[in-house]
């Protein structure tokens, strides 16, 4: 838990519990974010679970061109910052381009790299240089062992605060399946490993 303990505002790191990242997929409104945060925080406080509020200020990697992507970058980041300040919890948000890192870092404690972008060197390095914690989702097309290169890139920029996320491996078209053997492989890199249960076992039109 040593890396987690260095995240501002995070609680219960000495409880011996797993930690949780959860929240709306994307910032839709202040009311929704505050409602979700309040309910999840009540649960995590009750069971002494370290918690990071998750909401993307913008979702750039949608399947359809007309899918909802956000309410505006700065408006969404202000809401994310508001959640952090009001509830005294750390926050995590997705970024998609290297130019977003410094801006998102103003509001978020953890910068998250989407799975399809986990090999983008400029994006990883820009995230690392903010000094924030960086959570990299394992690409569906990569072996767990290949994620050591993402970790090395971030560390080479002087940032040791790396988290990796298992979110499934492509098994045929559209199907994602988790090979649990990959989790201990990635833990060998000396980083916390997240299990993304909302995306890692899915088929189209199923939850």
N, C-alpha and C. Protein backbone atom coordinates (compact mmCIF):
# COMPACT_ATOMS: atom_id res chain seq x y z
N UNK A 1 0.82 -1.20 0.00
CA UNK A 1 0.00 0.00 0.00
C UNK A 1 0.86 1.26 0.00
N UNK A 2 2.17 1.14 -0.08
CA UNK A 2 3.03 2.31 0.07
C UNK A 2 2.78 3.34 -1.02
N UNK A 3 2.58 2.90 -2.26
CA UNK A 3 2.33 3.84 -3.34
C UNK A 3 1.00 4.53 -3.13
N UNK A 4 -0.02 3.76 -2.73
CA UNK A 4 -1.34 4.35 -2.49
C UNK A 4 -1.30 5.38 -1.38
N UNK A 5 -0.50 5.12 -0.37
CA UNK A 5 -0.43 6.04 0.77
C UNK A 5 0.05 7.42 0.37
N UNK A 6 0.73 7.52 -0.76
CA UNK A 6 1.24 8.82 -1.19
C UNK A 6 0.22 9.60 -2.01
N UNK A 7 -0.96 9.02 -2.27
CA UNK A 7 -2.01 9.74 -2.99
C UNK A 7 -2.71 10.70 -2.03
N UNK A 8 -2.79 11.97 -2.35
CA UNK A 8 -3.44 12.93 -1.46
C UNK A 8 -4.87 12.53 -1.13
N UNK A 9 -5.26 12.71 0.11
CA UNK A 9 -6.62 12.52 0.60
C UNK A 9 -7.04 11.06 0.73
N UNK A 10 -6.25 10.12 0.28
CA UNK A 10 -6.71 8.73 0.35
C UNK A 10 -6.70 8.24 1.80
N UNK A 11 -7.73 7.49 2.17
CA UNK A 11 -7.91 7.01 3.54
C UNK A 11 -7.86 5.49 3.58
N UNK A 12 -7.73 4.97 4.79
CA UNK A 12 -7.84 3.53 5.08
C UNK A 12 -6.73 2.70 4.44
N UNK A 13 -5.60 3.29 4.11
CA UNK A 13 -4.54 2.53 3.45
C UNK A 13 -3.87 1.52 4.38
N UNK A 14 -4.09 1.66 5.69
CA UNK A 14 -3.49 0.72 6.63
C UNK A 14 -4.49 -0.36 7.06
N UNK A 15 -5.64 -0.40 6.42
CA UNK A 15 -6.68 -1.34 6.84
C UNK A 15 -6.45 -2.75 6.32
N UNK A 16 -5.53 -2.90 5.37
CA UNK A 16 -5.30 -4.22 4.79
C UNK A 16 -6.31 -4.60 3.73
N UNK A 17 -7.16 -3.66 3.36
CA UNK A 17 -8.19 -3.93 2.35
C UNK A 17 -7.66 -3.65 0.95
N UNK A 18 -8.33 -4.25 -0.05
CA UNK A 18 -8.09 -3.87 -1.44
C UNK A 18 -8.52 -2.41 -1.59
N UNK A 19 -8.15 -1.75 -2.68
CA UNK A 19 -8.61 -0.39 -2.88
C UNK A 19 -9.58 -0.35 -4.07
N UNK A 20 -10.41 0.68 -4.09
CA UNK A 20 -11.49 0.76 -5.06
C UNK A 20 -11.40 2.05 -5.86
N UNK A 21 -11.51 1.92 -7.19
CA UNK A 21 -11.73 3.06 -8.07
C UNK A 21 -13.13 2.90 -8.65
N UNK A 22 -14.00 3.87 -8.44
CA UNK A 22 -15.37 3.73 -8.92
C UNK A 22 -16.03 5.09 -9.03
N UNK A 23 -17.00 5.17 -9.95
CA UNK A 23 -17.75 6.40 -10.15
C UNK A 23 -18.37 6.39 -11.54
N UNK A 24 -18.98 7.49 -11.94
CA UNK A 24 -19.58 7.57 -13.27
C UNK A 24 -18.53 7.41 -14.36
N UNK A 25 -18.92 6.83 -15.48
CA UNK A 25 -17.98 6.66 -16.59
C UNK A 25 -17.43 8.00 -17.03
N UNK A 26 -18.31 8.99 -17.13
CA UNK A 26 -17.93 10.32 -17.57
C UNK A 26 -18.71 11.34 -16.75
N UNK A 27 -18.14 12.51 -16.57
CA UNK A 27 -18.83 13.58 -15.83
C UNK A 27 -20.02 14.05 -16.67
N UNK A 28 -21.23 13.83 -16.16
CA UNK A 28 -22.44 14.28 -16.83
C UNK A 28 -23.03 15.52 -16.17
N UNK A 29 -22.91 15.59 -14.85
CA UNK A 29 -23.42 16.74 -14.11
C UNK A 29 -22.81 16.74 -12.72
N UNK A 30 -22.85 17.89 -12.07
CA UNK A 30 -22.38 17.99 -10.69
C UNK A 30 -23.24 17.14 -9.77
N UNK A 31 -24.56 17.20 -9.96
CA UNK A 31 -25.47 16.47 -9.08
C UNK A 31 -25.20 14.97 -9.12
N UNK A 32 -25.00 14.43 -10.32
CA UNK A 32 -24.74 12.99 -10.43
C UNK A 32 -23.43 12.61 -9.76
N UNK A 33 -22.37 13.37 -10.00
CA UNK A 33 -21.06 13.06 -9.41
C UNK A 33 -21.11 13.13 -7.89
N UNK A 34 -21.76 14.15 -7.37
CA UNK A 34 -21.84 14.30 -5.91
C UNK A 34 -22.69 13.20 -5.30
N UNK A 35 -23.77 12.81 -5.97
CA UNK A 35 -24.63 11.74 -5.45
C UNK A 35 -23.88 10.41 -5.41
N UNK A 36 -23.18 10.08 -6.49
CA UNK A 36 -22.43 8.83 -6.54
C UNK A 36 -21.31 8.84 -5.51
N UNK A 37 -20.58 9.94 -5.43
CA UNK A 37 -19.47 10.03 -4.47
C UNK A 37 -19.98 9.84 -3.05
N UNK A 38 -21.05 10.50 -2.70
CA UNK A 38 -21.58 10.41 -1.34
C UNK A 38 -21.95 8.97 -0.98
N UNK A 39 -22.60 8.27 -1.89
CA UNK A 39 -23.04 6.90 -1.60
C UNK A 39 -21.87 5.92 -1.52
N UNK A 40 -20.93 6.05 -2.45
CA UNK A 40 -19.79 5.13 -2.45
C UNK A 40 -18.88 5.39 -1.24
N UNK A 41 -18.68 6.65 -0.91
CA UNK A 41 -17.83 6.99 0.24
C UNK A 41 -18.42 6.44 1.53
N UNK A 42 -19.74 6.48 1.66
CA UNK A 42 -20.38 5.94 2.85
C UNK A 42 -20.08 4.45 3.00
N UNK A 43 -20.08 3.73 1.89
CA UNK A 43 -19.79 2.29 1.92
C UNK A 43 -18.33 2.03 2.22
N UNK A 44 -17.44 2.76 1.53
CA UNK A 44 -16.00 2.51 1.71
C UNK A 44 -15.54 2.91 3.11
N UNK A 45 -16.14 3.96 3.67
CA UNK A 45 -15.80 4.34 5.05
C UNK A 45 -16.27 3.28 6.04
N UNK A 46 -17.43 2.72 5.78
CA UNK A 46 -17.98 1.70 6.67
C UNK A 46 -17.08 0.47 6.73
N UNK A 47 -16.51 0.11 5.58
CA UNK A 47 -15.70 -1.11 5.52
C UNK A 47 -14.20 -0.83 5.44
N UNK A 48 -13.80 0.43 5.65
CA UNK A 48 -12.38 0.81 5.66
C UNK A 48 -11.66 0.47 4.36
N UNK A 49 -12.31 0.77 3.26
CA UNK A 49 -11.74 0.49 1.94
C UNK A 49 -11.12 1.77 1.37
N UNK A 50 -9.86 1.77 0.99
CA UNK A 50 -9.29 2.94 0.33
C UNK A 50 -10.03 3.21 -0.98
N UNK A 51 -10.37 4.48 -1.23
CA UNK A 51 -11.26 4.79 -2.35
C UNK A 51 -10.73 5.97 -3.16
N UNK A 52 -10.83 5.82 -4.49
CA UNK A 52 -10.51 6.89 -5.43
C UNK A 52 -11.73 7.10 -6.32
N UNK A 53 -12.27 8.31 -6.33
CA UNK A 53 -13.45 8.61 -7.15
C UNK A 53 -13.04 8.70 -8.61
N UNK A 54 -13.77 7.98 -9.47
CA UNK A 54 -13.43 7.92 -10.89
C UNK A 54 -14.52 8.55 -11.75
N UNK A 55 -14.13 9.47 -12.61
CA UNK A 55 -15.01 10.00 -13.65
C UNK A 55 -14.14 10.65 -14.71
N UNK A 56 -14.36 10.31 -15.96
CA UNK A 56 -13.60 10.94 -17.03
C UNK A 56 -14.21 12.30 -17.34
N UNK A 57 -13.36 13.31 -17.47
CA UNK A 57 -13.89 14.62 -17.81
C UNK A 57 -14.28 14.69 -19.28
N UNK A 58 -13.70 13.79 -20.07
CA UNK A 58 -14.08 13.65 -21.48
C UNK A 58 -13.76 12.24 -21.93
N UNK A 59 -14.65 11.64 -22.71
CA UNK A 59 -14.40 10.31 -23.26
C UNK A 59 -14.18 10.44 -24.75
N UNK A 60 -12.92 10.28 -25.16
CA UNK A 60 -12.59 10.46 -26.57
C UNK A 60 -12.63 9.15 -27.36
N UNK A 61 -12.72 8.03 -26.65
CA UNK A 61 -12.61 6.74 -27.34
C UNK A 61 -13.95 6.01 -27.40
N UNK A 62 -14.97 6.71 -27.89
CA UNK A 62 -16.28 6.11 -28.07
C UNK A 62 -16.35 5.34 -29.38
N UNK A 63 -17.23 4.33 -29.44
CA UNK A 63 -17.37 3.54 -30.66
C UNK A 63 -18.06 4.33 -31.76
N UNK A 64 -19.12 5.06 -31.41
CA UNK A 64 -19.89 5.81 -32.40
C UNK A 64 -19.56 7.29 -32.34
N UNK A 65 -19.59 7.92 -33.49
CA UNK A 65 -19.24 9.33 -33.57
C UNK A 65 -20.21 10.25 -32.85
N UNK A 66 -21.46 9.80 -32.69
CA UNK A 66 -22.46 10.65 -32.04
C UNK A 66 -22.67 10.28 -30.57
N UNK A 67 -21.81 9.47 -30.00
CA UNK A 67 -21.93 9.10 -28.59
C UNK A 67 -21.57 10.29 -27.70
N UNK A 68 -22.16 10.33 -26.52
CA UNK A 68 -21.89 11.41 -25.55
C UNK A 68 -20.44 11.33 -25.09
N UNK A 69 -19.74 12.45 -25.15
CA UNK A 69 -18.33 12.48 -24.75
C UNK A 69 -18.06 13.39 -23.56
N UNK A 70 -18.98 14.30 -23.24
CA UNK A 70 -18.74 15.15 -22.09
C UNK A 70 -19.51 16.46 -22.16
N UNK A 71 -19.40 17.24 -21.09
CA UNK A 71 -20.13 18.51 -20.97
C UNK A 71 -19.22 19.70 -21.21
N UNK A 72 -18.00 19.45 -21.59
CA UNK A 72 -17.00 20.51 -21.75
C UNK A 72 -15.86 20.27 -20.78
N UNK A 73 -14.65 20.36 -21.28
CA UNK A 73 -13.48 19.97 -20.49
C UNK A 73 -13.35 20.72 -19.17
N UNK A 74 -13.35 22.03 -19.23
CA UNK A 74 -13.09 22.81 -18.02
C UNK A 74 -14.25 22.73 -17.02
N UNK A 75 -15.46 22.67 -17.54
CA UNK A 75 -16.62 22.52 -16.66
C UNK A 75 -16.55 21.19 -15.94
N UNK A 76 -16.20 20.12 -16.67
CA UNK A 76 -16.12 18.80 -16.06
C UNK A 76 -14.97 18.71 -15.07
N UNK A 77 -13.84 19.31 -15.39
CA UNK A 77 -12.70 19.29 -14.48
C UNK A 77 -13.00 20.05 -13.18
N UNK A 78 -13.76 21.13 -13.29
CA UNK A 78 -14.16 21.87 -12.09
C UNK A 78 -15.06 21.01 -11.20
N UNK A 79 -15.94 20.24 -11.80
CA UNK A 79 -16.81 19.33 -11.03
C UNK A 79 -15.96 18.26 -10.35
N UNK A 80 -15.01 17.71 -11.10
CA UNK A 80 -14.12 16.68 -10.54
C UNK A 80 -13.33 17.24 -9.36
N UNK A 81 -12.84 18.45 -9.52
CA UNK A 81 -12.11 19.10 -8.43
C UNK A 81 -13.03 19.39 -7.25
N UNK A 82 -14.27 19.71 -7.56
CA UNK A 82 -15.25 19.96 -6.51
C UNK A 82 -15.54 18.73 -5.68
N UNK A 83 -15.61 17.57 -6.32
CA UNK A 83 -15.81 16.31 -5.60
C UNK A 83 -14.65 16.07 -4.65
N UNK A 84 -13.44 16.26 -5.15
CA UNK A 84 -12.24 16.04 -4.33
C UNK A 84 -12.23 16.94 -3.11
N UNK A 85 -12.57 18.19 -3.29
CA UNK A 85 -12.53 19.15 -2.19
C UNK A 85 -13.68 18.96 -1.21
N UNK A 86 -14.86 18.71 -1.72
CA UNK A 86 -16.04 18.59 -0.86
C UNK A 86 -16.00 17.33 -0.01
N UNK A 87 -15.59 16.21 -0.62
CA UNK A 87 -15.62 14.93 0.08
C UNK A 87 -14.25 14.51 0.61
N UNK A 88 -13.22 15.28 0.29
CA UNK A 88 -11.86 14.96 0.69
C UNK A 88 -11.45 13.56 0.25
N UNK A 89 -11.60 13.30 -1.04
CA UNK A 89 -11.19 12.03 -1.64
C UNK A 89 -10.32 12.31 -2.87
N UNK A 90 -9.42 11.41 -3.21
CA UNK A 90 -8.66 11.56 -4.45
C UNK A 90 -9.53 11.23 -5.65
N UNK A 91 -9.13 11.71 -6.82
CA UNK A 91 -9.90 11.47 -8.04
C UNK A 91 -8.99 10.93 -9.14
N UNK A 92 -9.61 10.21 -10.08
CA UNK A 92 -8.90 9.69 -11.25
C UNK A 92 -9.72 10.01 -12.49
N UNK A 93 -9.04 10.37 -13.57
CA UNK A 93 -9.72 10.69 -14.82
C UNK A 93 -8.88 10.23 -16.00
N UNK A 94 -9.54 9.88 -17.10
CA UNK A 94 -8.85 9.47 -18.32
C UNK A 94 -8.25 10.68 -19.04
N UNK A 95 -7.11 10.45 -19.68
CA UNK A 95 -6.59 11.42 -20.65
C UNK A 95 -6.23 10.65 -21.91
N UNK A 96 -6.25 11.36 -23.05
CA UNK A 96 -6.09 10.67 -24.33
C UNK A 96 -4.95 11.22 -25.18
N UNK A 97 -4.49 12.43 -24.86
CA UNK A 97 -3.39 13.03 -25.60
C UNK A 97 -2.40 13.65 -24.62
N UNK A 98 -1.15 13.73 -25.04
CA UNK A 98 -0.11 14.25 -24.14
C UNK A 98 -0.40 15.69 -23.72
N UNK A 99 -1.07 16.46 -24.58
CA UNK A 99 -1.37 17.85 -24.25
C UNK A 99 -2.40 17.97 -23.12
N UNK A 100 -3.12 16.91 -22.82
CA UNK A 100 -4.14 16.94 -21.78
C UNK A 100 -3.56 16.74 -20.38
N UNK A 101 -2.38 16.18 -20.29
CA UNK A 101 -1.85 15.73 -19.00
C UNK A 101 -1.75 16.86 -17.98
N UNK A 102 -1.11 17.95 -18.35
CA UNK A 102 -0.90 19.04 -17.40
C UNK A 102 -2.21 19.68 -16.96
N UNK A 103 -3.17 19.77 -17.88
CA UNK A 103 -4.47 20.37 -17.55
C UNK A 103 -5.25 19.47 -16.61
N UNK A 104 -5.33 18.19 -16.94
CA UNK A 104 -6.08 17.24 -16.11
C UNK A 104 -5.44 17.10 -14.73
N UNK A 105 -4.12 17.24 -14.66
CA UNK A 105 -3.41 17.08 -13.39
C UNK A 105 -3.78 18.15 -12.38
N UNK A 106 -4.33 19.28 -12.83
CA UNK A 106 -4.76 20.33 -11.92
C UNK A 106 -5.93 19.85 -11.07
N UNK A 107 -6.79 19.00 -11.66
CA UNK A 107 -8.01 18.56 -10.96
C UNK A 107 -7.94 17.14 -10.44
N UNK A 108 -7.09 16.31 -11.01
CA UNK A 108 -7.09 14.89 -10.67
C UNK A 108 -5.81 14.49 -9.95
N UNK A 109 -5.93 13.52 -9.06
CA UNK A 109 -4.77 12.98 -8.34
C UNK A 109 -4.13 11.83 -9.09
N UNK A 110 -4.93 11.15 -9.94
CA UNK A 110 -4.45 10.02 -10.72
C UNK A 110 -4.86 10.24 -12.17
N UNK A 111 -3.91 10.12 -13.09
CA UNK A 111 -4.19 10.21 -14.51
C UNK A 111 -4.26 8.79 -15.07
N UNK A 112 -5.34 8.50 -15.78
CA UNK A 112 -5.56 7.14 -16.29
C UNK A 112 -5.36 7.09 -17.79
N UNK A 113 -4.59 6.11 -18.24
CA UNK A 113 -4.30 5.92 -19.66
C UNK A 113 -5.19 4.80 -20.19
N UNK A 114 -6.08 5.08 -21.14
CA UNK A 114 -6.96 4.04 -21.69
C UNK A 114 -6.16 2.90 -22.32
N UNK A 115 -6.79 1.73 -22.36
CA UNK A 115 -6.10 0.52 -22.81
C UNK A 115 -5.52 0.65 -24.22
N UNK A 116 -6.28 1.23 -25.13
CA UNK A 116 -5.81 1.34 -26.50
C UNK A 116 -4.60 2.26 -26.64
N UNK A 117 -4.32 3.05 -25.61
CA UNK A 117 -3.23 4.04 -25.68
C UNK A 117 -2.06 3.68 -24.78
N UNK A 118 -2.04 2.48 -24.24
CA UNK A 118 -1.06 2.12 -23.21
C UNK A 118 0.38 2.07 -23.71
N UNK A 119 0.59 2.07 -25.03
CA UNK A 119 1.95 2.05 -25.57
C UNK A 119 2.40 3.41 -26.09
N UNK A 120 1.54 4.43 -25.96
CA UNK A 120 1.86 5.75 -26.51
C UNK A 120 2.91 6.44 -25.64
N UNK A 121 4.13 6.43 -26.09
CA UNK A 121 5.24 6.92 -25.29
C UNK A 121 5.06 8.38 -24.87
N UNK A 122 4.69 9.25 -25.80
CA UNK A 122 4.53 10.67 -25.47
C UNK A 122 3.47 10.87 -24.40
N UNK A 123 2.39 10.11 -24.48
CA UNK A 123 1.30 10.22 -23.51
C UNK A 123 1.75 9.75 -22.13
N UNK A 124 2.44 8.64 -22.09
CA UNK A 124 2.94 8.11 -20.82
C UNK A 124 3.95 9.06 -20.18
N UNK A 125 4.84 9.59 -20.99
CA UNK A 125 5.87 10.48 -20.47
C UNK A 125 5.28 11.80 -19.98
N UNK A 126 4.32 12.34 -20.73
CA UNK A 126 3.68 13.59 -20.31
C UNK A 126 2.93 13.39 -19.00
N UNK A 127 2.28 12.25 -18.85
CA UNK A 127 1.57 11.94 -17.61
C UNK A 127 2.55 11.83 -16.46
N UNK A 128 3.64 11.14 -16.70
CA UNK A 128 4.65 10.95 -15.66
C UNK A 128 5.23 12.27 -15.19
N UNK A 129 5.45 13.18 -16.11
CA UNK A 129 6.10 14.45 -15.79
C UNK A 129 5.23 15.38 -14.95
N UNK A 130 3.93 15.09 -14.86
CA UNK A 130 3.08 15.90 -13.98
C UNK A 130 3.36 15.61 -12.52
N UNK A 131 3.99 14.46 -12.25
CA UNK A 131 4.24 14.04 -10.87
C UNK A 131 3.05 13.33 -10.24
N UNK A 132 1.94 13.25 -10.96
CA UNK A 132 0.76 12.57 -10.44
C UNK A 132 0.91 11.05 -10.59
N UNK A 133 0.08 10.31 -9.86
CA UNK A 133 0.03 8.88 -10.05
C UNK A 133 -0.55 8.58 -11.43
N UNK A 134 -0.04 7.55 -12.07
CA UNK A 134 -0.48 7.20 -13.42
C UNK A 134 -0.99 5.77 -13.42
N UNK A 135 -2.25 5.61 -13.79
CA UNK A 135 -2.86 4.29 -13.90
C UNK A 135 -2.96 3.92 -15.37
N UNK A 136 -2.27 2.86 -15.77
CA UNK A 136 -2.24 2.45 -17.17
C UNK A 136 -3.06 1.17 -17.34
N UNK A 137 -4.07 1.24 -18.18
CA UNK A 137 -4.86 0.04 -18.45
C UNK A 137 -4.13 -0.84 -19.48
N UNK A 138 -4.07 -2.12 -19.19
CA UNK A 138 -3.40 -3.05 -20.11
C UNK A 138 -4.21 -3.19 -21.40
N UNK A 139 -3.53 -3.01 -22.51
CA UNK A 139 -4.21 -3.17 -23.79
C UNK A 139 -4.75 -4.58 -23.97
N UNK A 140 -5.92 -4.68 -24.59
CA UNK A 140 -6.52 -5.98 -24.84
C UNK A 140 -5.67 -6.84 -25.77
N UNK A 141 -4.73 -6.22 -26.42
CA UNK A 141 -3.89 -6.87 -27.43
C UNK A 141 -2.50 -7.20 -26.90
N UNK A 142 -2.24 -6.93 -25.61
CA UNK A 142 -0.91 -7.13 -25.05
C UNK A 142 -0.88 -8.25 -24.03
N UNK A 143 0.27 -8.89 -23.90
CA UNK A 143 0.48 -9.82 -22.80
C UNK A 143 0.73 -9.04 -21.53
N UNK A 144 0.44 -9.60 -20.37
CA UNK A 144 0.74 -8.89 -19.11
C UNK A 144 2.21 -8.52 -19.00
N UNK A 145 3.09 -9.39 -19.44
CA UNK A 145 4.52 -9.13 -19.33
C UNK A 145 4.94 -7.89 -20.12
N UNK A 146 4.23 -7.60 -21.22
CA UNK A 146 4.59 -6.44 -22.05
C UNK A 146 4.32 -5.12 -21.35
N UNK A 147 3.51 -5.15 -20.28
CA UNK A 147 3.21 -3.91 -19.57
C UNK A 147 4.41 -3.37 -18.79
N UNK A 148 5.45 -4.18 -18.66
CA UNK A 148 6.64 -3.69 -17.97
C UNK A 148 7.26 -2.51 -18.71
N UNK A 149 7.05 -2.44 -20.02
CA UNK A 149 7.62 -1.34 -20.79
C UNK A 149 6.89 -0.03 -20.49
N UNK A 150 5.59 -0.10 -20.27
CA UNK A 150 4.85 1.10 -19.87
C UNK A 150 5.34 1.59 -18.51
N UNK A 151 5.55 0.65 -17.59
CA UNK A 151 6.06 1.00 -16.27
C UNK A 151 7.44 1.63 -16.39
N UNK A 152 8.29 1.06 -17.22
CA UNK A 152 9.65 1.58 -17.38
C UNK A 152 9.65 2.99 -17.96
N UNK A 153 8.75 3.26 -18.91
CA UNK A 153 8.68 4.59 -19.51
C UNK A 153 8.33 5.65 -18.45
N UNK A 154 7.35 5.34 -17.63
CA UNK A 154 6.92 6.29 -16.61
C UNK A 154 8.03 6.50 -15.58
N UNK A 155 8.64 5.40 -15.15
CA UNK A 155 9.72 5.52 -14.17
C UNK A 155 10.93 6.25 -14.73
N UNK A 156 11.18 6.12 -16.03
CA UNK A 156 12.33 6.79 -16.63
C UNK A 156 12.18 8.31 -16.62
N UNK A 157 10.93 8.78 -16.46
CA UNK A 157 10.67 10.21 -16.37
C UNK A 157 10.74 10.70 -14.92
N UNK A 158 11.16 9.81 -14.02
CA UNK A 158 11.33 10.19 -12.63
C UNK A 158 10.09 10.01 -11.77
N UNK A 159 9.10 9.30 -12.28
CA UNK A 159 7.85 9.10 -11.53
C UNK A 159 7.73 7.62 -11.18
N UNK A 160 7.71 7.32 -9.89
CA UNK A 160 7.61 5.94 -9.42
C UNK A 160 6.18 5.53 -9.09
N UNK A 161 5.24 6.45 -9.27
CA UNK A 161 3.86 6.21 -8.85
C UNK A 161 3.03 5.64 -9.99
N UNK A 162 3.18 4.34 -10.20
CA UNK A 162 2.52 3.67 -11.32
C UNK A 162 1.52 2.65 -10.81
N UNK A 163 0.37 2.60 -11.46
CA UNK A 163 -0.65 1.58 -11.20
C UNK A 163 -0.98 0.94 -12.54
N UNK A 164 -1.21 -0.36 -12.56
CA UNK A 164 -1.62 -1.06 -13.78
C UNK A 164 -3.03 -1.63 -13.59
N UNK A 165 -3.79 -1.66 -14.68
CA UNK A 165 -5.15 -2.20 -14.63
C UNK A 165 -5.32 -3.34 -15.63
N UNK A 166 -5.81 -4.46 -15.14
CA UNK A 166 -6.20 -5.59 -15.98
C UNK A 166 -7.64 -5.37 -16.42
N UNK A 167 -7.86 -5.32 -17.74
CA UNK A 167 -9.22 -5.11 -18.22
C UNK A 167 -9.61 -6.10 -19.32
N UNK A 168 -8.93 -7.26 -19.31
CA UNK A 168 -9.32 -8.32 -20.23
C UNK A 168 -8.45 -8.38 -21.47
N UNK A 169 -8.51 -9.52 -22.13
CA UNK A 169 -7.76 -9.75 -23.36
C UNK A 169 -8.75 -10.15 -24.45
N UNK A 170 -8.52 -9.65 -25.65
CA UNK A 170 -9.42 -9.98 -26.77
C UNK A 170 -9.42 -11.47 -27.02
N UNK A 171 -10.63 -12.04 -27.04
CA UNK A 171 -10.81 -13.47 -27.29
C UNK A 171 -11.83 -13.58 -28.41
N UNK A 172 -11.32 -13.65 -29.65
CA UNK A 172 -12.23 -13.57 -30.78
C UNK A 172 -12.69 -12.13 -30.96
N UNK A 173 -13.69 -11.94 -31.78
CA UNK A 173 -14.19 -10.59 -32.03
C UNK A 173 -15.18 -10.17 -30.95
N UNK A 174 -14.96 -8.99 -30.38
CA UNK A 174 -15.85 -8.36 -29.42
C UNK A 174 -15.78 -8.92 -28.00
N UNK A 175 -15.28 -10.13 -27.83
CA UNK A 175 -15.26 -10.74 -26.50
C UNK A 175 -13.98 -10.37 -25.75
N UNK A 176 -14.12 -10.07 -24.46
CA UNK A 176 -12.98 -9.86 -23.59
C UNK A 176 -13.03 -10.90 -22.48
N UNK A 177 -11.89 -11.52 -22.23
CA UNK A 177 -11.79 -12.55 -21.20
C UNK A 177 -10.57 -12.26 -20.34
N UNK A 178 -10.71 -12.41 -19.04
CA UNK A 178 -9.59 -12.18 -18.12
C UNK A 178 -8.81 -13.47 -17.91
N UNK A 179 -7.51 -13.39 -18.13
CA UNK A 179 -6.61 -14.47 -17.75
C UNK A 179 -5.98 -14.04 -16.43
N UNK A 180 -6.47 -14.61 -15.34
CA UNK A 180 -6.05 -14.16 -14.01
C UNK A 180 -4.58 -14.39 -13.74
N UNK A 181 -3.91 -15.21 -14.55
CA UNK A 181 -2.48 -15.42 -14.36
C UNK A 181 -1.70 -14.13 -14.60
N UNK A 182 -2.29 -13.20 -15.33
CA UNK A 182 -1.60 -11.96 -15.64
C UNK A 182 -1.48 -11.02 -14.47
N UNK A 183 -2.36 -11.15 -13.49
CA UNK A 183 -2.34 -10.23 -12.35
C UNK A 183 -1.05 -10.38 -11.53
N UNK A 184 -0.66 -11.59 -11.12
CA UNK A 184 0.62 -11.70 -10.40
C UNK A 184 1.82 -11.35 -11.25
N UNK A 185 1.71 -11.55 -12.58
CA UNK A 185 2.82 -11.15 -13.46
C UNK A 185 3.04 -9.65 -13.36
N UNK A 186 1.97 -8.87 -13.43
CA UNK A 186 2.10 -7.41 -13.38
C UNK A 186 2.47 -6.93 -11.98
N UNK A 187 2.05 -7.65 -10.95
CA UNK A 187 2.43 -7.27 -9.58
C UNK A 187 3.93 -7.42 -9.37
N UNK A 188 4.57 -8.29 -10.15
CA UNK A 188 6.02 -8.47 -10.03
C UNK A 188 6.79 -7.21 -10.42
N UNK A 189 6.13 -6.28 -11.11
CA UNK A 189 6.80 -5.03 -11.47
C UNK A 189 6.85 -4.06 -10.30
N UNK A 190 6.29 -4.46 -9.16
CA UNK A 190 6.32 -3.64 -7.96
C UNK A 190 5.30 -2.51 -7.97
N UNK A 191 4.15 -2.76 -8.61
CA UNK A 191 3.10 -1.75 -8.69
C UNK A 191 1.77 -2.35 -8.25
N UNK A 192 0.84 -1.51 -7.75
CA UNK A 192 -0.51 -2.01 -7.48
C UNK A 192 -1.19 -2.40 -8.79
N UNK A 193 -2.04 -3.42 -8.74
CA UNK A 193 -2.76 -3.88 -9.93
C UNK A 193 -4.26 -3.80 -9.66
N UNK A 194 -4.97 -3.16 -10.57
CA UNK A 194 -6.42 -2.99 -10.48
C UNK A 194 -7.10 -4.01 -11.39
N UNK A 195 -8.22 -4.55 -10.93
CA UNK A 195 -9.05 -5.44 -11.74
C UNK A 195 -10.28 -4.66 -12.18
N UNK A 196 -10.40 -4.39 -13.47
CA UNK A 196 -11.53 -3.62 -13.99
C UNK A 196 -12.68 -4.58 -14.27
N UNK A 197 -13.56 -4.74 -13.29
CA UNK A 197 -14.65 -5.72 -13.42
C UNK A 197 -15.78 -5.22 -14.30
N UNK A 198 -15.82 -3.92 -14.61
CA UNK A 198 -16.91 -3.42 -15.44
C UNK A 198 -16.65 -3.60 -16.93
N UNK A 199 -15.39 -3.73 -17.33
CA UNK A 199 -15.06 -3.85 -18.75
C UNK A 199 -14.38 -5.16 -19.12
N UNK A 200 -13.88 -5.87 -18.15
CA UNK A 200 -12.98 -6.98 -18.46
C UNK A 200 -13.69 -8.28 -18.79
N UNK A 201 -14.97 -8.37 -18.53
CA UNK A 201 -15.74 -9.57 -18.88
C UNK A 201 -17.03 -9.11 -19.55
N UNK A 202 -16.99 -8.97 -20.87
CA UNK A 202 -18.16 -8.40 -21.52
C UNK A 202 -18.29 -8.85 -22.96
N UNK A 203 -19.51 -8.74 -23.45
CA UNK A 203 -19.84 -8.88 -24.85
C UNK A 203 -20.70 -7.68 -25.23
N UNK A 204 -20.83 -7.37 -26.49
CA UNK A 204 -21.66 -6.23 -26.87
C UNK A 204 -23.09 -6.34 -26.34
N UNK A 205 -23.62 -5.22 -25.87
CA UNK A 205 -25.00 -5.14 -25.37
C UNK A 205 -25.24 -5.94 -24.10
N UNK A 206 -24.17 -6.29 -23.41
CA UNK A 206 -24.31 -6.99 -22.12
C UNK A 206 -23.54 -6.20 -21.07
N UNK A 207 -23.97 -6.31 -19.83
CA UNK A 207 -23.29 -5.63 -18.74
C UNK A 207 -22.47 -6.61 -17.94
